[in-house]
Amino acid sequence: MEGNTGFQLSNLIDIATELVTRWGLKVIGALALLMVGMWVAKAIRASVRKALGRSEMDPTLIPFLSGILYYLVLAVVITAVLSLFGIETTSLIAVLGAAGFAIGLAMQGTLSNFSAGVMLLVFRPFKVGDFIDAAGVAGKVCEIGIFSTTLDTPDNVRIILPNSSVYGTTIKNFTTNDNRRNDLVIGISYDDDIGVAVDTVLAVLRADDRVLADPEPLVAVAELADSSVNLNVRPWCRKEDYWTLRADLNRRIKEKLEAAGCHIPYPQADVHMRQVT
């Protein structure tokens, strides 16, 4: 019995020695590679965050981009560790790619919103605080997320739009430019003097400090409509004065035109009576 026990112990020692000899260095090398790789990945992430932080990139995008780079480096490190043990990584990568493709098909809408959110954050057609019109909704931008954009409408209703619908449509940004043009259409009677009407409207525009001298405001005949001669009134102003100026001009122009003897006509129709005998 003692001989058999000694023989078994000797065999175990031989097996252990063989395992340590065969795998010990590989395990140590794999652990060292993994630790060094994780350190390099963290260092790269920190460096990217600092570099992007010094740029004008949106703060929301910085952790996203640095995180993607961090996990890409980790994926390369893990692949290298597996190859040390003789594991065939080609088939593993193929399986992961197929799984990623299937997941991508299942989450097509979500991924579309995600990619659109990245594009919005990179190209920045608008920023938080801007007033925009996108996907048929107009409002002030409250938040630009990875998957959705949040707007507050002028009547204080919160609207959450998927980013794919925002980036895939025409975006109107009313806040980007400092100056805006008001487009008013003022109708006068066919019996009124057009010159008097134009001079009256120009006087109203020049008397308002909110109307910019450059570009020069325009007052011109737009069309000879069915019931009126329509004038295009186009003054420029600062963007923050747009709505108040528009409301005030509508009132003052009406009052001054009436004081000058001009009339703003109602829609009219001529009815001809014919007697049948």
Protein backbone atom coordinates (compact mmCIF):
# COMPACT_ATOMS: atom_id res chain seq x y z
CA MET A 1 0.00 0.00 0.00
CA GLU A 2 2.74 2.38 0.90
CA GLY A 3 4.39 1.68 -2.46
CA ASN A 4 1.21 2.39 -4.36
CA THR A 5 0.64 5.61 -2.42
CA GLY A 6 4.16 6.75 -3.18
CA PHE A 7 3.68 5.90 -6.83
CA GLN A 8 0.43 7.91 -7.04
CA LEU A 9 1.98 10.88 -5.28
CA SER A 10 4.90 10.73 -7.67
CA ASN A 11 2.50 10.69 -10.61
CA LEU A 12 0.60 13.69 -9.25
CA ILE A 13 3.81 15.60 -8.79
CA ASP A 14 4.86 14.75 -12.34
CA ILE A 15 1.49 15.86 -13.70
CA ALA A 16 1.58 19.08 -11.67
CA THR A 17 5.12 19.78 -12.84
CA GLU A 18 4.12 19.20 -16.45
CA LEU A 19 1.10 21.50 -16.12
CA VAL A 20 3.16 24.23 -14.50
CA THR A 21 5.84 23.86 -17.13
CA ARG A 22 3.38 23.86 -20.00
CA TRP A 23 0.86 26.48 -18.79
CA GLY A 24 2.55 28.38 -15.99
CA LEU A 25 4.46 30.78 -18.17
CA LYS A 26 1.44 31.24 -20.43
CA VAL A 27 -0.83 32.04 -17.48
CA ILE A 28 1.69 34.50 -16.08
CA GLY A 29 2.16 36.05 -19.51
CA ALA A 30 -1.61 36.25 -20.04
CA LEU A 31 -2.15 37.94 -16.66
CA ALA A 32 0.68 40.37 -17.33
CA LEU A 33 -0.70 41.15 -20.80
CA LEU A 34 -4.20 41.63 -19.41
CA MET A 35 -3.01 43.98 -16.66
CA VAL A 36 -0.84 45.99 -19.03
CA GLY A 37 -3.64 46.11 -21.61
CA MET A 38 -6.16 47.38 -19.05
CA TRP A 39 -3.70 50.02 -17.91
CA VAL A 40 -3.08 51.13 -21.51
CA ALA A 41 -6.84 51.21 -22.21
CA LYS A 42 -7.48 53.40 -19.16
CA ALA A 43 -4.57 55.67 -20.05
CA ILE A 44 -5.86 56.08 -23.61
CA ARG A 45 -9.38 56.82 -22.33
CA ALA A 46 -8.08 59.47 -19.93
CA SER A 47 -5.92 61.07 -22.64
CA VAL A 48 -8.82 61.16 -25.10
CA ARG A 49 -11.10 62.74 -22.50
CA LYS A 50 -8.55 65.45 -21.76
CA ALA A 51 -7.94 66.13 -25.46
CA LEU A 52 -11.66 66.32 -26.26
CA GLY A 53 -12.27 68.41 -23.15
CA ARG A 54 -9.89 71.06 -24.48
CA SER A 55 -11.74 71.14 -27.78
CA GLU A 56 -15.18 72.58 -28.51
CA MET A 57 -16.84 69.17 -28.63
CA ASP A 58 -20.16 68.70 -26.87
CA PRO A 59 -19.56 67.41 -23.28
CA THR A 60 -22.21 64.71 -23.81
CA LEU A 61 -20.14 63.15 -26.58
CA ILE A 62 -16.81 62.98 -24.72
CA PRO A 63 -17.55 60.01 -22.41
CA PHE A 64 -19.25 58.19 -25.27
CA LEU A 65 -16.26 58.39 -27.64
CA SER A 66 -13.67 57.69 -24.95
CA GLY A 67 -15.72 54.72 -23.73
CA ILE A 68 -15.91 53.20 -27.21
CA LEU A 69 -12.13 53.53 -27.62
CA TYR A 70 -11.57 51.97 -24.17
CA TYR A 71 -13.64 48.88 -24.97
CA LEU A 72 -12.06 48.51 -28.40
CA VAL A 73 -8.61 48.36 -26.79
CA LEU A 74 -9.90 45.83 -24.23
CA ALA A 75 -11.31 43.67 -27.03
CA VAL A 76 -7.91 43.61 -28.74
CA VAL A 77 -6.20 42.71 -25.43
CA ILE A 78 -8.63 39.87 -24.67
CA THR A 79 -8.18 38.50 -28.18
CA ALA A 80 -4.40 38.50 -27.68
CA VAL A 81 -4.76 36.75 -24.30
CA LEU A 82 -6.92 34.00 -25.81
CA SER A 83 -4.43 33.47 -28.60
CA LEU A 84 -1.70 32.79 -26.01
CA PHE A 85 -3.61 29.68 -24.91
CA GLY A 86 -3.99 28.47 -28.47
CA ILE A 87 -7.67 29.32 -28.69
CA GLU A 88 -8.76 29.95 -32.26
CA THR A 89 -10.03 33.51 -32.18
CA THR A 90 -11.13 33.62 -35.81
CA SER A 91 -14.18 31.43 -35.22
CA LEU A 92 -14.95 33.30 -31.99
CA ILE A 93 -14.87 36.63 -33.80
CA ALA A 94 -17.12 35.19 -36.52
CA VAL A 95 -19.66 34.01 -33.91
CA LEU A 96 -19.59 37.38 -32.16
CA GLY A 97 -20.01 39.14 -35.50
CA ALA A 98 -23.04 37.01 -36.39
CA ALA A 99 -24.54 37.64 -32.97
CA GLY A 100 -23.91 41.36 -33.35
CA PHE A 101 -25.58 41.32 -36.77
CA ALA A 102 -28.66 39.57 -35.36
CA ILE A 103 -28.84 42.00 -32.46
CA GLY A 104 -28.44 44.89 -34.88
CA LEU A 105 -31.41 43.69 -36.95
CA ALA A 106 -33.54 43.28 -33.83
CA MET A 107 -32.62 46.75 -32.57
CA GLN A 108 -32.62 48.51 -35.92
CA GLY A 109 -34.79 51.41 -34.76
CA THR A 110 -32.79 51.92 -31.58
CA LEU A 111 -29.48 51.81 -33.42
CA SER A 112 -30.84 54.27 -35.97
CA ASN A 113 -31.69 56.70 -33.16
CA PHE A 114 -28.27 56.07 -31.62
CA SER A 115 -26.34 56.80 -34.83
CA ALA A 116 -28.49 59.87 -35.49
CA GLY A 117 -27.77 61.09 -31.95
CA VAL A 118 -24.04 60.72 -32.54
CA MET A 119 -24.32 62.72 -35.76
CA LEU A 120 -26.29 65.46 -33.99
CA LEU A 121 -23.65 65.68 -31.27
CA VAL A 122 -20.76 65.67 -33.76
CA PHE A 123 -22.09 68.14 -36.37
CA ARG A 124 -24.20 70.17 -33.90
CA PRO A 125 -26.86 71.70 -36.19
CA PHE A 126 -28.33 73.07 -32.97
CA LYS A 127 -27.47 73.24 -29.28
CA VAL A 128 -29.32 73.32 -25.98
CA GLY A 129 -31.27 76.59 -25.74
CA ASP A 130 -31.82 77.03 -29.49
CA PHE A 131 -35.32 77.39 -30.92
CA ILE A 132 -35.72 74.96 -33.80
CA ASP A 133 -38.31 73.42 -36.09
CA ALA A 134 -37.64 69.72 -36.76
CA ALA A 135 -39.84 66.75 -37.64
CA GLY A 136 -42.82 69.08 -37.78
CA VAL A 137 -42.35 70.30 -34.20
CA ALA A 138 -41.13 73.76 -33.16
CA GLY A 139 -39.70 74.41 -29.71
CA LYS A 140 -36.75 75.26 -27.51
CA VAL A 141 -34.11 72.53 -27.21
CA CYS A 142 -33.88 71.29 -23.62
CA GLU A 143 -31.70 68.21 -24.07
CA ILE A 144 -29.81 66.40 -26.82
CA GLY A 145 -29.50 62.75 -25.86
CA ILE A 146 -27.98 59.75 -27.56
CA PHE A 147 -31.40 58.35 -28.49
CA SER A 148 -33.80 61.32 -28.37
CA THR A 149 -34.02 65.12 -28.40
CA THR A 150 -36.26 66.99 -25.96
CA LEU A 151 -38.05 70.21 -26.92
CA ASP A 152 -40.32 72.62 -25.03
CA THR A 153 -42.96 74.18 -27.30
CA PRO A 154 -43.94 77.86 -26.97
CA ASP A 155 -47.04 76.82 -24.99
CA ASN A 156 -44.76 74.88 -22.58
CA VAL A 157 -45.49 71.35 -23.76
CA ARG A 158 -42.55 68.97 -23.57
CA ILE A 159 -41.96 66.96 -26.76
CA ILE A 160 -39.51 64.03 -26.97
CA LEU A 161 -38.44 63.27 -30.54
CA PRO A 162 -36.49 60.18 -31.69
CA ASN A 163 -33.15 61.34 -33.06
CA SER A 164 -33.67 59.48 -36.32
CA SER A 165 -36.73 61.63 -37.09
CA VAL A 166 -34.82 64.82 -36.18
CA TYR A 167 -31.63 64.17 -38.15
CA GLY A 168 -33.53 62.67 -41.11
CA THR A 169 -35.60 65.80 -41.77
CA THR A 170 -35.02 69.46 -42.55
CA ILE A 171 -33.95 71.36 -39.42
CA LYS A 172 -34.77 75.06 -39.07
CA ASN A 173 -32.68 76.81 -36.43
CA PHE A 174 -34.16 80.20 -35.57
CA THR A 175 -31.46 81.06 -33.01
CA THR A 176 -28.19 80.56 -34.87
CA ASN A 177 -28.12 83.90 -36.73
CA ASP A 178 -28.14 87.16 -34.77
CA ASN A 179 -30.57 88.95 -37.09
CA ARG A 180 -33.93 87.92 -38.53
CA ARG A 181 -36.29 89.40 -41.10
CA ASN A 182 -39.96 89.99 -40.41
CA ASP A 183 -42.18 89.34 -43.42
CA LEU A 184 -45.48 91.21 -43.25
CA VAL A 185 -48.15 91.54 -45.93
CA ILE A 186 -50.25 94.71 -45.63
CA GLY A 187 -53.25 95.25 -47.90
CA ILE A 188 -54.53 98.68 -48.96
CA SER A 189 -57.52 99.69 -51.04
CA TYR A 190 -57.31 100.12 -54.82
CA ASP A 191 -58.54 103.68 -54.27
CA ASP A 192 -55.61 104.55 -51.96
CA ASP A 193 -52.44 106.32 -53.05
CA ILE A 194 -49.71 103.67 -53.11
CA GLY A 195 -46.95 106.24 -52.64
CA VAL A 196 -48.57 107.63 -49.50
CA ALA A 197 -49.03 104.11 -48.12
CA VAL A 198 -45.40 103.17 -48.78
CA ASP A 199 -44.06 106.39 -47.22
CA THR A 200 -46.31 105.90 -44.18
CA VAL A 201 -45.11 102.36 -43.59
CA LEU A 202 -41.46 103.38 -44.05
CA ALA A 203 -41.93 106.15 -41.48
CA VAL A 204 -43.27 103.63 -38.99
CA LEU A 205 -40.26 101.37 -39.57
CA ARG A 206 -37.71 104.16 -39.26
CA ALA A 207 -39.27 105.40 -36.03
CA ASP A 208 -38.76 102.04 -34.31
CA ASP A 209 -35.29 101.56 -32.80
CA ARG A 210 -35.60 97.78 -33.09
CA VAL A 211 -35.63 97.95 -36.90
CA LEU A 212 -32.09 97.68 -38.24
CA ALA A 213 -30.82 100.19 -40.78
CA ASP A 214 -28.58 97.55 -42.37
CA PRO A 215 -29.99 95.59 -44.11
CA GLU A 216 -32.36 98.34 -45.17
CA PRO A 217 -36.07 97.58 -44.65
CA LEU A 218 -38.10 96.92 -47.78
CA VAL A 219 -41.63 98.13 -48.59
CA ALA A 220 -42.83 97.18 -52.07
CA VAL A 221 -45.95 96.18 -53.96
CA ALA A 222 -46.25 92.40 -53.77
CA GLU A 223 -49.37 91.74 -55.85
CA LEU A 224 -52.62 93.14 -57.10
CA ALA A 225 -54.97 90.84 -55.23
CA ASP A 226 -58.70 90.37 -55.64
CA SER A 227 -59.71 92.91 -53.01
CA SER A 228 -56.52 94.82 -52.18
CA VAL A 229 -53.12 96.00 -53.26
CA ASN A 230 -50.75 93.97 -51.09
CA LEU A 231 -47.50 95.47 -49.83
CA ASN A 232 -44.53 93.38 -48.71
CA VAL A 233 -43.10 94.89 -45.51
CA ARG A 234 -39.73 93.37 -44.62
CA PRO A 235 -37.79 94.94 -41.74
CA TRP A 236 -34.74 93.32 -40.15
CA CYS A 237 -34.25 93.11 -36.38
CA ARG A 238 -32.32 91.30 -33.66
CA LYS A 239 -33.55 87.77 -33.13
CA GLU A 240 -34.70 88.51 -29.58
CA ASP A 241 -36.93 91.38 -30.87
CA TYR A 242 -38.62 89.34 -33.61
CA TRP A 243 -42.01 88.56 -32.05
CA THR A 244 -42.52 91.80 -30.12
CA LEU A 245 -41.59 93.87 -33.16
CA ARG A 246 -43.94 91.87 -35.38
CA ALA A 247 -46.90 92.44 -33.05
CA ASP A 248 -46.17 96.14 -32.59
CA LEU A 249 -45.70 96.79 -36.30
CA ASN A 250 -49.01 95.19 -37.22
CA ARG A 251 -50.80 97.56 -34.88
CA ARG A 252 -48.85 100.75 -35.65
CA ILE A 253 -48.95 100.30 -39.41
CA LYS A 254 -52.73 99.88 -39.32
CA GLU A 255 -53.16 102.99 -37.16
CA LYS A 256 -50.81 105.15 -39.24
CA LEU A 257 -52.31 104.05 -42.56
CA GLU A 258 -55.79 104.93 -41.36
CA ALA A 259 -54.53 108.29 -40.08
CA ALA A 260 -53.00 108.94 -43.52
CA GLY A 261 -56.36 108.29 -45.20
CA CYS A 262 -55.59 104.77 -46.44
CA HIS A 263 -57.91 101.85 -45.93
CA ILE A 264 -57.34 98.18 -45.22
CA PRO A 265 -60.20 96.60 -47.18
CA TYR A 266 -62.29 93.58 -46.37
CA PRO A 267 -62.53 90.80 -48.96
CA GLN A 268 -64.99 91.97 -51.60
CA ALA A 269 -66.93 90.40 -54.42
CA ASP A 270 -68.88 92.14 -57.21
CA VAL A 271 -72.33 90.68 -57.86
CA HIS A 272 -73.97 91.57 -61.16
CA MET A 273 -77.76 91.22 -61.35
CA ARG A 274 -79.13 90.48 -64.77
CA GLN A 275 -82.83 90.67 -65.42
CA VAL A 276 -84.17 87.93 -67.64
CA THR A 277 -87.23 88.89 -69.65
